Amino acid sequence: MPLYEYECKKCHHRFERIQKFSDPHVKSCPNCAGPVQLVISAPAVQFKGSGWYVTDYAKKSSAPASPTNGGSSETTEKKEEAKPTTEAKKSEKKK
């Protein structure tokens, strides 16, 4: 159920009510019985369960560029050295 926040126009008292969408809005202040208006407030958001963190969806094979090298070709050269070429794979299969 949503949480509604109200403010009295007369005494400026702020209060909250948990109401259904179908319930009528509050018309009078509980302190002075003056007219109230609905106040727009930030919603309370709760993220529960897995999948809300960057690490949950990050690809494990790719590493982010470090700030020291700025994503230079040095990191790509190391990756290329580590991967065997297709010619090397073919020659290994023949042996």
C-alpha atoms as a PDB file:
ATOM      1  CA  MET A   1       0.000   0.000   0.000  1.00  0.00           C
ATOM      2  CA  PRO A   2       1.281   3.470  -0.794  1.00  0.00           C
ATOM      3  CA  LEU A   3       2.330   5.985   1.807  1.00  0.00           C
ATOM      4  CA  TYR A   4       0.782   9.422   1.292  1.00  0.00           C
ATOM      5  CA  GLU A   5       2.147  12.597   2.854  1.00  0.00           C
ATOM      6  CA  TYR A   6      -0.150  15.519   3.638  1.00  0.00           C
ATOM      7  CA  GLU A   7       0.429  19.098   4.794  1.00  0.00           C
ATOM      8  CA  CYS A   8      -2.114  21.327   6.488  1.00  0.00           C
ATOM      9  CA  LYS A   9      -2.672  24.660   4.740  1.00  0.00           C
ATOM     10  CA  LYS A  10      -3.594  26.339   8.018  1.00  0.00           C
ATOM     11  CA  CYS A  11      -1.051  25.133  10.630  1.00  0.00           C
ATOM     12  CA  HIS A  12       1.539  23.586   8.205  1.00  0.00           C
ATOM     13  CA  HIS A  13       1.480  20.288  10.123  1.00  0.00           C
ATOM     14  CA  ARG A  14       2.862  17.393   8.035  1.00  0.00           C
ATOM     15  CA  PHE A  15       1.633  13.845   8.497  1.00  0.00           C
ATOM     16  CA  GLU A  16       1.591  10.549   6.641  1.00  0.00           C
ATOM     17  CA  ARG A  17      -1.115   7.970   5.981  1.00  0.00           C
ATOM     18  CA  ILE A  18      -0.842   4.476   4.555  1.00  0.00           C
ATOM     19  CA  GLN A  19      -3.855   4.101   2.280  1.00  0.00           C
ATOM     20  CA  LYS A  20      -5.065   1.964  -0.578  1.00  0.00           C
ATOM     21  CA  PHE A  21      -5.291   3.526  -4.013  1.00  0.00           C
ATOM     22  CA  SER A  22      -9.055   3.234  -3.803  1.00  0.00           C
ATOM     23  CA  ASP A  23      -9.333   4.969  -0.385  1.00  0.00           C
ATOM     24  CA  PRO A  24     -10.450   8.618  -0.387  1.00  0.00           C
ATOM     25  CA  HIS A  25      -7.758  11.176   0.387  1.00  0.00           C
ATOM     26  CA  VAL A  26      -7.669  12.900   3.785  1.00  0.00           C
ATOM     27  CA  LYS A  27      -9.535  16.219   3.725  1.00  0.00           C
ATOM     28  CA  SER A  28      -8.818  17.728   7.154  1.00  0.00           C
ATOM     29  CA  CYS A  29      -5.831  18.090   9.488  1.00  0.00           C
ATOM     30  CA  PRO A  30      -5.828  15.887  12.612  1.00  0.00           C
ATOM     31  CA  ASN A  31      -4.432  18.825  14.688  1.00  0.00           C
ATOM     32  CA  CYS A  32      -6.565  21.802  13.708  1.00  0.00           C
ATOM     33  CA  ALA A  33      -9.185  20.351  11.317  1.00  0.00           C
ATOM     34  CA  GLY A  34      -7.949  22.735   8.603  1.00  0.00           C
ATOM     35  CA  PRO A  35      -7.795  21.833   4.897  1.00  0.00           C
ATOM     36  CA  VAL A  36      -4.861  19.664   3.778  1.00  0.00           C
ATOM     37  CA  GLN A  37      -3.068  19.159   0.502  1.00  0.00           C
ATOM     38  CA  LEU A  38      -1.274  16.095  -0.803  1.00  0.00           C
ATOM     39  CA  VAL A  39       2.519  16.587  -0.819  1.00  0.00           C
ATOM     40  CA  ILE A  40       4.701  14.960  -3.437  1.00  0.00           C
ATOM     41  CA  SER A  41       7.572  13.167  -1.740  1.00  0.00           C
ATOM     42  CA  ALA A  42      10.365  10.838  -2.778  1.00  0.00           C
ATOM     43  CA  PRO A  43       9.332   7.191  -2.767  1.00  0.00           C
ATOM     44  CA  ALA A  44      11.014   4.684  -0.485  1.00  0.00           C
ATOM     45  CA  VAL A  45      12.593   2.092  -2.765  1.00  0.00           C
ATOM     46  CA  GLN A  46      13.954  -1.228  -1.563  1.00  0.00           C
ATOM     47  CA  PHE A  47      15.965  -3.419  -3.897  1.00  0.00           C
ATOM     48  CA  LYS A  48      15.744  -7.021  -2.759  1.00  0.00           C
ATOM     49  CA  GLY A  49      17.154 -10.165  -4.279  1.00  0.00           C
ATOM     50  CA  SER A  50      20.006 -10.764  -6.661  1.00  0.00           C
ATOM     51  CA  GLY A  51      20.630  -8.799  -9.808  1.00  0.00           C
ATOM     52  CA  TRP A  52      20.837  -5.295  -8.382  1.00  0.00           C
ATOM     53  CA  TYR A  53      24.603  -4.955  -8.302  1.00  0.00           C
ATOM     54  CA  VAL A  54      27.102  -4.387 -11.090  1.00  0.00           C
ATOM     55  CA  THR A  55      28.961  -7.539 -10.111  1.00  0.00           C
ATOM     56  CA  ASP A  56      25.867  -9.685 -10.687  1.00  0.00           C
ATOM     57  CA  TYR A  57      25.840  -8.956 -14.415  1.00  0.00           C
ATOM     58  CA  ALA A  58      29.496  -8.201 -15.087  1.00  0.00           C
ATOM     59  CA  LYS A  59      31.233 -10.377 -17.632  1.00  0.00           C
ATOM     60  CA  LYS A  60      33.990 -12.273 -15.923  1.00  0.00           C
ATOM     61  CA  SER A  61      36.149 -12.578 -19.065  1.00  0.00           C
ATOM     62  CA  SER A  62      36.509  -8.856 -19.744  1.00  0.00           C
ATOM     63  CA  ALA A  63      38.475  -6.606 -17.429  1.00  0.00           C
ATOM     64  CA  PRO A  64      37.836  -2.861 -17.252  1.00  0.00           C
ATOM     65  CA  ALA A  65      40.559  -0.530 -18.469  1.00  0.00           C
ATOM     66  CA  SER A  66      42.766   0.645 -15.654  1.00  0.00           C
ATOM     67  CA  PRO A  67      43.164   4.394 -15.125  1.00  0.00           C
ATOM     68  CA  THR A  68      46.962   4.153 -15.428  1.00  0.00           C
ATOM     69  CA  ASN A  69      47.049   2.897 -18.987  1.00  0.00           C
ATOM     70  CA  GLY A  70      43.721   4.362 -20.099  1.00  0.00           C
ATOM     71  CA  GLY A  71      42.791   1.251 -22.043  1.00  0.00           C
ATOM     72  CA  SER A  72      45.936   1.345 -24.192  1.00  0.00           C
ATOM     73  CA  SER A  73      46.979  -1.388 -26.581  1.00  0.00           C
ATOM     74  CA  GLU A  74      49.200  -2.893 -23.860  1.00  0.00           C
ATOM     75  CA  THR A  75      46.269  -4.857 -22.426  1.00  0.00           C
ATOM     76  CA  THR A  76      45.142  -6.039 -25.870  1.00  0.00           C
ATOM     77  CA  GLU A  77      48.685  -7.197 -26.686  1.00  0.00           C
ATOM     78  CA  LYS A  78      48.734  -9.345 -23.556  1.00  0.00           C
ATOM     79  CA  LYS A  79      45.372 -10.886 -24.476  1.00  0.00           C
ATOM     80  CA  GLU A  80      46.573 -11.649 -28.014  1.00  0.00           C
ATOM     81  CA  GLU A  81      49.709 -13.360 -26.683  1.00  0.00           C
ATOM     82  CA  ALA A  82      47.645 -15.548 -24.392  1.00  0.00           C
ATOM     83  CA  LYS A  83      45.288 -16.723 -27.170  1.00  0.00           C
ATOM     84  CA  PRO A  84      46.742 -19.314 -29.552  1.00  0.00           C
ATOM     85  CA  THR A  85      46.221 -18.540 -33.216  1.00  0.00           C
ATOM     86  CA  THR A  86      44.132 -20.771 -35.447  1.00  0.00           C
ATOM     87  CA  GLU A  87      47.271 -21.953 -37.268  1.00  0.00           C
ATOM     88  CA  ALA A  88      48.807 -23.089 -33.972  1.00  0.00           C
ATOM     89  CA  LYS A  89      45.612 -24.956 -33.121  1.00  0.00           C
ATOM     90  CA  LYS A  90      45.636 -26.756 -36.493  1.00  0.00           C
ATOM     91  CA  SER A  91      49.267 -27.810 -36.117  1.00  0.00           C
ATOM     92  CA  GLU A  92      48.582 -29.145 -32.614  1.00  0.00           C
ATOM     93  CA  LYS A  93      45.686 -31.274 -33.902  1.00  0.00           C
ATOM     94  CA  LYS A  94      47.884 -32.815 -36.637  1.00  0.00           C
ATOM     95  CA  LYS A  95      50.497 -33.934 -34.109  1.00  0.00           C
END
